[in-house]
């Protein structure tokens, strides 16, 4: 019988102390450094997900540029095969307000790097906030025509 190889709470917290700050500050290369060459990543914004460092870099570049000042905090974890189920909280500035989000992510590691990361959360508060700061299409046409 094979022994369970998940990360306990202290190892998961230690990993999160390095990894979660890489999601803030628009540094996609730093964030990418936590992932394997063949990593799979999915979240509600890119379902069904992306695979490989090239695709990850493209996605991380877009998402971090859009939300450079969001912050992430660790809320606890449960061991998961090869890693942990990560509870998190995010504060996302949108327009003049901050959207508060809570979710979970499966984080599976190989050689200390993430090979699979799937994020789950209710994205509707973020979508609603983004929609409220977007200018209607007709108004954009008037404002930006030459």
C-alpha atoms as a PDB file:
ATOM      1  CA  UNK A   1       0.000   0.000   0.000  1.00  0.00           C
ATOM      2  CA  UNK A   2       1.338   3.429  -0.966  1.00  0.00           C
ATOM      3  CA  UNK A   3       1.519   6.127   1.692  1.00  0.00           C
ATOM      4  CA  UNK A   4      -0.432   9.352   1.264  1.00  0.00           C
ATOM      5  CA  UNK A   5       1.816  12.137  -0.044  1.00  0.00           C
ATOM      6  CA  UNK A   6      -0.193  15.293   0.639  1.00  0.00           C
ATOM      7  CA  UNK A   7       1.172  18.426   2.313  1.00  0.00           C
ATOM      8  CA  UNK A   8       0.311  19.124   5.916  1.00  0.00           C
ATOM      9  CA  UNK A   9      -0.806  22.521   7.177  1.00  0.00           C
ATOM     10  CA  UNK A  10       2.659  23.851   8.041  1.00  0.00           C
ATOM     11  CA  UNK A  11       4.170  22.858   4.660  1.00  0.00           C
ATOM     12  CA  UNK A  12       1.158  24.297   2.816  1.00  0.00           C
ATOM     13  CA  UNK A  13       1.413  27.562   4.781  1.00  0.00           C
ATOM     14  CA  UNK A  14       5.136  27.786   4.007  1.00  0.00           C
ATOM     15  CA  UNK A  15       4.481  27.255   0.283  1.00  0.00           C
ATOM     16  CA  UNK A  16       1.684  29.871   0.328  1.00  0.00           C
ATOM     17  CA  UNK A  17       3.946  32.460   2.008  1.00  0.00           C
ATOM     18  CA  UNK A  18       6.076  32.384  -1.149  1.00  0.00           C
ATOM     19  CA  UNK A  19       3.485  31.644  -3.838  1.00  0.00           C
ATOM     20  CA  UNK A  20       0.507  33.884  -2.992  1.00  0.00           C
ATOM     21  CA  UNK A  21       2.519  37.157  -3.028  1.00  0.00           C
ATOM     22  CA  UNK A  22       3.612  36.296  -6.591  1.00  0.00           C
ATOM     23  CA  UNK A  23      -0.016  36.833  -7.652  1.00  0.00           C
ATOM     24  CA  UNK A  24       0.265  40.541  -6.751  1.00  0.00           C
ATOM     25  CA  UNK A  25       2.259  43.209  -8.571  1.00  0.00           C
ATOM     26  CA  UNK A  26       2.058  42.214 -12.248  1.00  0.00           C
ATOM     27  CA  UNK A  27       5.100  39.907 -12.292  1.00  0.00           C
ATOM     28  CA  UNK A  28       3.970  37.014 -14.526  1.00  0.00           C
ATOM     29  CA  UNK A  29       7.466  35.539 -14.855  1.00  0.00           C
ATOM     30  CA  UNK A  30       7.780  35.301 -11.070  1.00  0.00           C
ATOM     31  CA  UNK A  31       4.397  33.592 -10.804  1.00  0.00           C
ATOM     32  CA  UNK A  32       5.296  31.228 -13.640  1.00  0.00           C
ATOM     33  CA  UNK A  33       8.435  30.162 -11.747  1.00  0.00           C
ATOM     34  CA  UNK A  34       6.192  28.210  -9.333  1.00  0.00           C
ATOM     35  CA  UNK A  35       4.857  25.949 -12.133  1.00  0.00           C
ATOM     36  CA  UNK A  36       6.258  22.923 -13.981  1.00  0.00           C
ATOM     37  CA  UNK A  37       6.861  22.945 -17.739  1.00  0.00           C
ATOM     38  CA  UNK A  38       3.743  20.814 -18.317  1.00  0.00           C
ATOM     39  CA  UNK A  39       1.525  22.448 -15.660  1.00  0.00           C
ATOM     40  CA  UNK A  40      -2.255  22.604 -15.991  1.00  0.00           C
ATOM     41  CA  UNK A  41      -4.123  25.656 -14.638  1.00  0.00           C
ATOM     42  CA  UNK A  42      -7.848  26.463 -14.635  1.00  0.00           C
ATOM     43  CA  UNK A  43     -10.061  29.048 -12.970  1.00  0.00           C
ATOM     44  CA  UNK A  44     -13.545  30.447 -13.737  1.00  0.00           C
ATOM     45  CA  UNK A  45     -11.958  33.031 -16.075  1.00  0.00           C
ATOM     46  CA  UNK A  46     -10.252  30.523 -18.357  1.00  0.00           C
ATOM     47  CA  UNK A  47     -12.330  27.357 -18.099  1.00  0.00           C
ATOM     48  CA  UNK A  48     -11.555  24.642 -19.248  1.00  0.00           C
ATOM     49  CA  UNK A  49      -7.971  25.742 -18.513  1.00  0.00           C
ATOM     50  CA  UNK A  50      -4.523  26.013 -20.059  1.00  0.00           C
ATOM     51  CA  UNK A  51      -1.569  23.632 -20.151  1.00  0.00           C
ATOM     52  CA  UNK A  52       2.148  24.333 -20.442  1.00  0.00           C
ATOM     53  CA  UNK A  53       4.358  27.246 -19.506  1.00  0.00           C
ATOM     54  CA  UNK A  54       3.801  29.191 -22.736  1.00  0.00           C
ATOM     55  CA  UNK A  55       0.015  29.156 -22.295  1.00  0.00           C
ATOM     56  CA  UNK A  56       0.361  29.876 -18.569  1.00  0.00           C
ATOM     57  CA  UNK A  57       2.615  32.864 -19.215  1.00  0.00           C
ATOM     58  CA  UNK A  58       0.152  34.296 -21.738  1.00  0.00           C
ATOM     59  CA  UNK A  59      -2.750  33.897 -19.304  1.00  0.00           C
ATOM     60  CA  UNK A  60      -0.823  35.170 -16.265  1.00  0.00           C
ATOM     61  CA  UNK A  61       0.400  38.179 -18.276  1.00  0.00           C
ATOM     62  CA  UNK A  62      -3.205  39.131 -19.152  1.00  0.00           C
ATOM     63  CA  UNK A  63      -4.735  38.529 -15.728  1.00  0.00           C
ATOM     64  CA  UNK A  64      -1.968  40.164 -13.681  1.00  0.00           C
ATOM     65  CA  UNK A  65      -1.944  43.234 -15.945  1.00  0.00           C
ATOM     66  CA  UNK A  66      -5.693  43.547 -15.441  1.00  0.00           C
ATOM     67  CA  UNK A  67      -5.491  43.171 -11.646  1.00  0.00           C
ATOM     68  CA  UNK A  68      -1.974  44.281 -10.583  1.00  0.00           C
ATOM     69  CA  UNK A  69      -3.050  45.396  -7.098  1.00  0.00           C
ATOM     70  CA  UNK A  70      -5.147  42.463  -5.976  1.00  0.00           C
ATOM     71  CA  UNK A  71      -3.943  40.705  -2.844  1.00  0.00           C
ATOM     72  CA  UNK A  72      -4.273  37.102  -1.771  1.00  0.00           C
ATOM     73  CA  UNK A  73      -4.222  35.581   1.685  1.00  0.00           C
ATOM     74  CA  UNK A  74      -4.054  32.012   2.929  1.00  0.00           C
ATOM     75  CA  UNK A  75      -7.125  30.754   4.817  1.00  0.00           C
ATOM     76  CA  UNK A  76      -6.030  27.202   5.594  1.00  0.00           C
ATOM     77  CA  UNK A  77      -5.574  23.909   3.803  1.00  0.00           C
ATOM     78  CA  UNK A  78      -6.373  20.235   3.703  1.00  0.00           C
ATOM     79  CA  UNK A  79      -3.915  17.614   2.450  1.00  0.00           C
ATOM     80  CA  UNK A  80      -4.524  16.464  -1.128  1.00  0.00           C
ATOM     81  CA  UNK A  81      -2.610  13.874  -3.137  1.00  0.00           C
ATOM     82  CA  UNK A  82       0.716  15.492  -4.101  1.00  0.00           C
ATOM     83  CA  UNK A  83      -0.253  18.769  -2.451  1.00  0.00           C
ATOM     84  CA  UNK A  84      -3.108  20.499  -0.688  1.00  0.00           C
ATOM     85  CA  UNK A  85      -6.557  21.996  -1.084  1.00  0.00           C
ATOM     86  CA  UNK A  86      -5.899  25.669  -0.446  1.00  0.00           C
ATOM     87  CA  UNK A  87      -8.476  27.998   1.100  1.00  0.00           C
ATOM     88  CA  UNK A  88      -7.858  31.613   0.102  1.00  0.00           C
ATOM     89  CA  UNK A  89      -9.220  35.146   0.266  1.00  0.00           C
ATOM     90  CA  UNK A  90      -8.639  37.795  -2.403  1.00  0.00           C
ATOM     91  CA  UNK A  91      -9.188  41.560  -2.267  1.00  0.00           C
ATOM     92  CA  UNK A  92      -9.607  42.851  -5.815  1.00  0.00           C
ATOM     93  CA  UNK A  93      -9.692  46.623  -6.487  1.00  0.00           C
ATOM     94  CA  UNK A  94     -12.179  47.381  -9.272  1.00  0.00           C
ATOM     95  CA  UNK A  95     -12.974  50.972 -10.087  1.00  0.00           C
ATOM     96  CA  UNK A  96     -13.398  52.797  -6.782  1.00  0.00           C
ATOM     97  CA  UNK A  97     -14.280  49.764  -4.675  1.00  0.00           C
ATOM     98  CA  UNK A  98     -12.779  46.463  -3.585  1.00  0.00           C
ATOM     99  CA  UNK A  99     -14.367  43.105  -4.317  1.00  0.00           C
ATOM    100  CA  UNK A 100     -13.783  40.504  -1.598  1.00  0.00           C
ATOM    101  CA  UNK A 101     -13.641  36.898  -2.806  1.00  0.00           C
ATOM    102  CA  UNK A 102     -13.191  33.558  -1.064  1.00  0.00           C
ATOM    103  CA  UNK A 103     -12.438  30.273  -2.745  1.00  0.00           C
ATOM    104  CA  UNK A 104     -10.417  27.101  -2.839  1.00  0.00           C
ATOM    105  CA  UNK A 105      -7.735  25.783  -5.147  1.00  0.00           C
ATOM    106  CA  UNK A 106      -6.302  22.347  -5.618  1.00  0.00           C
ATOM    107  CA  UNK A 107      -2.530  22.668  -5.683  1.00  0.00           C
ATOM    108  CA  UNK A 108      -0.554  19.577  -6.697  1.00  0.00           C
ATOM    109  CA  UNK A 109       3.241  19.563  -6.671  1.00  0.00           C
ATOM    110  CA  UNK A 110       6.048  17.668  -8.338  1.00  0.00           C
ATOM    111  CA  UNK A 111       9.616  18.463  -7.345  1.00  0.00           C
ATOM    112  CA  UNK A 112       8.434  21.484  -5.365  1.00  0.00           C
ATOM    113  CA  UNK A 113       6.625  23.025  -8.375  1.00  0.00           C
ATOM    114  CA  UNK A 114       2.920  23.092  -9.210  1.00  0.00           C
ATOM    115  CA  UNK A 115       1.901  20.634 -11.926  1.00  0.00           C
ATOM    116  CA  UNK A 116      -1.857  21.051 -11.482  1.00  0.00           C
ATOM    117  CA  UNK A 117      -3.758  24.049 -10.081  1.00  0.00           C
ATOM    118  CA  UNK A 118      -7.540  24.290 -10.324  1.00  0.00           C
ATOM    119  CA  UNK A 119      -9.273  27.287  -8.720  1.00  0.00           C
ATOM    120  CA  UNK A 120     -12.928  27.405  -7.647  1.00  0.00           C
ATOM    121  CA  UNK A 121     -14.897  30.471  -6.559  1.00  0.00           C
ATOM    122  CA  UNK A 122     -18.085  32.393  -7.300  1.00  0.00           C
ATOM    123  CA  UNK A 123     -16.921  34.847  -9.966  1.00  0.00           C
ATOM    124  CA  UNK A 124     -20.229  36.736 -10.199  1.00  0.00           C
ATOM    125  CA  UNK A 125     -19.289  39.549  -7.728  1.00  0.00           C
ATOM    126  CA  UNK A 126     -16.149  40.243  -9.762  1.00  0.00           C
ATOM    127  CA  UNK A 127     -18.016  40.116 -13.088  1.00  0.00           C
ATOM    128  CA  UNK A 128     -20.685  42.476 -11.704  1.00  0.00           C
ATOM    129  CA  UNK A 129     -18.061  44.943 -10.461  1.00  0.00           C
ATOM    130  CA  UNK A 130     -16.249  44.872 -13.806  1.00  0.00           C
ATOM    131  CA  UNK A 131     -19.513  45.398 -15.698  1.00  0.00           C
ATOM    132  CA  UNK A 132     -20.345  48.427 -13.544  1.00  0.00           C
ATOM    133  CA  UNK A 133     -17.096  50.208 -14.484  1.00  0.00           C
ATOM    134  CA  UNK A 134     -17.228  49.451 -18.209  1.00  0.00           C
ATOM    135  CA  UNK A 135     -18.583  52.111 -20.466  1.00  0.00           C
ATOM    136  CA  UNK A 136     -21.529  51.073 -22.648  1.00  0.00           C
ATOM    137  CA  UNK A 137     -20.493  50.235 -26.227  1.00  0.00           C
ATOM    138  CA  UNK A 138     -22.323  53.218 -27.750  1.00  0.00           C
ATOM    139  CA  UNK A 139     -20.695  55.621 -25.276  1.00  0.00           C
ATOM    140  CA  UNK A 140     -17.234  54.166 -25.965  1.00  0.00           C
ATOM    141  CA  UNK A 141     -17.832  54.782 -29.676  1.00  0.00           C
ATOM    142  CA  UNK A 142     -18.683  58.437 -29.021  1.00  0.00           C
ATOM    143  CA  UNK A 143     -15.787  58.969 -26.606  1.00  0.00           C
ATOM    144  CA  UNK A 144     -13.109  57.363 -28.764  1.00  0.00           C
ATOM    145  CA  UNK A 145     -14.092  58.118 -32.354  1.00  0.00           C
ATOM    146  CA  UNK A 146     -11.834  60.417 -34.322  1.00  0.00           C
END
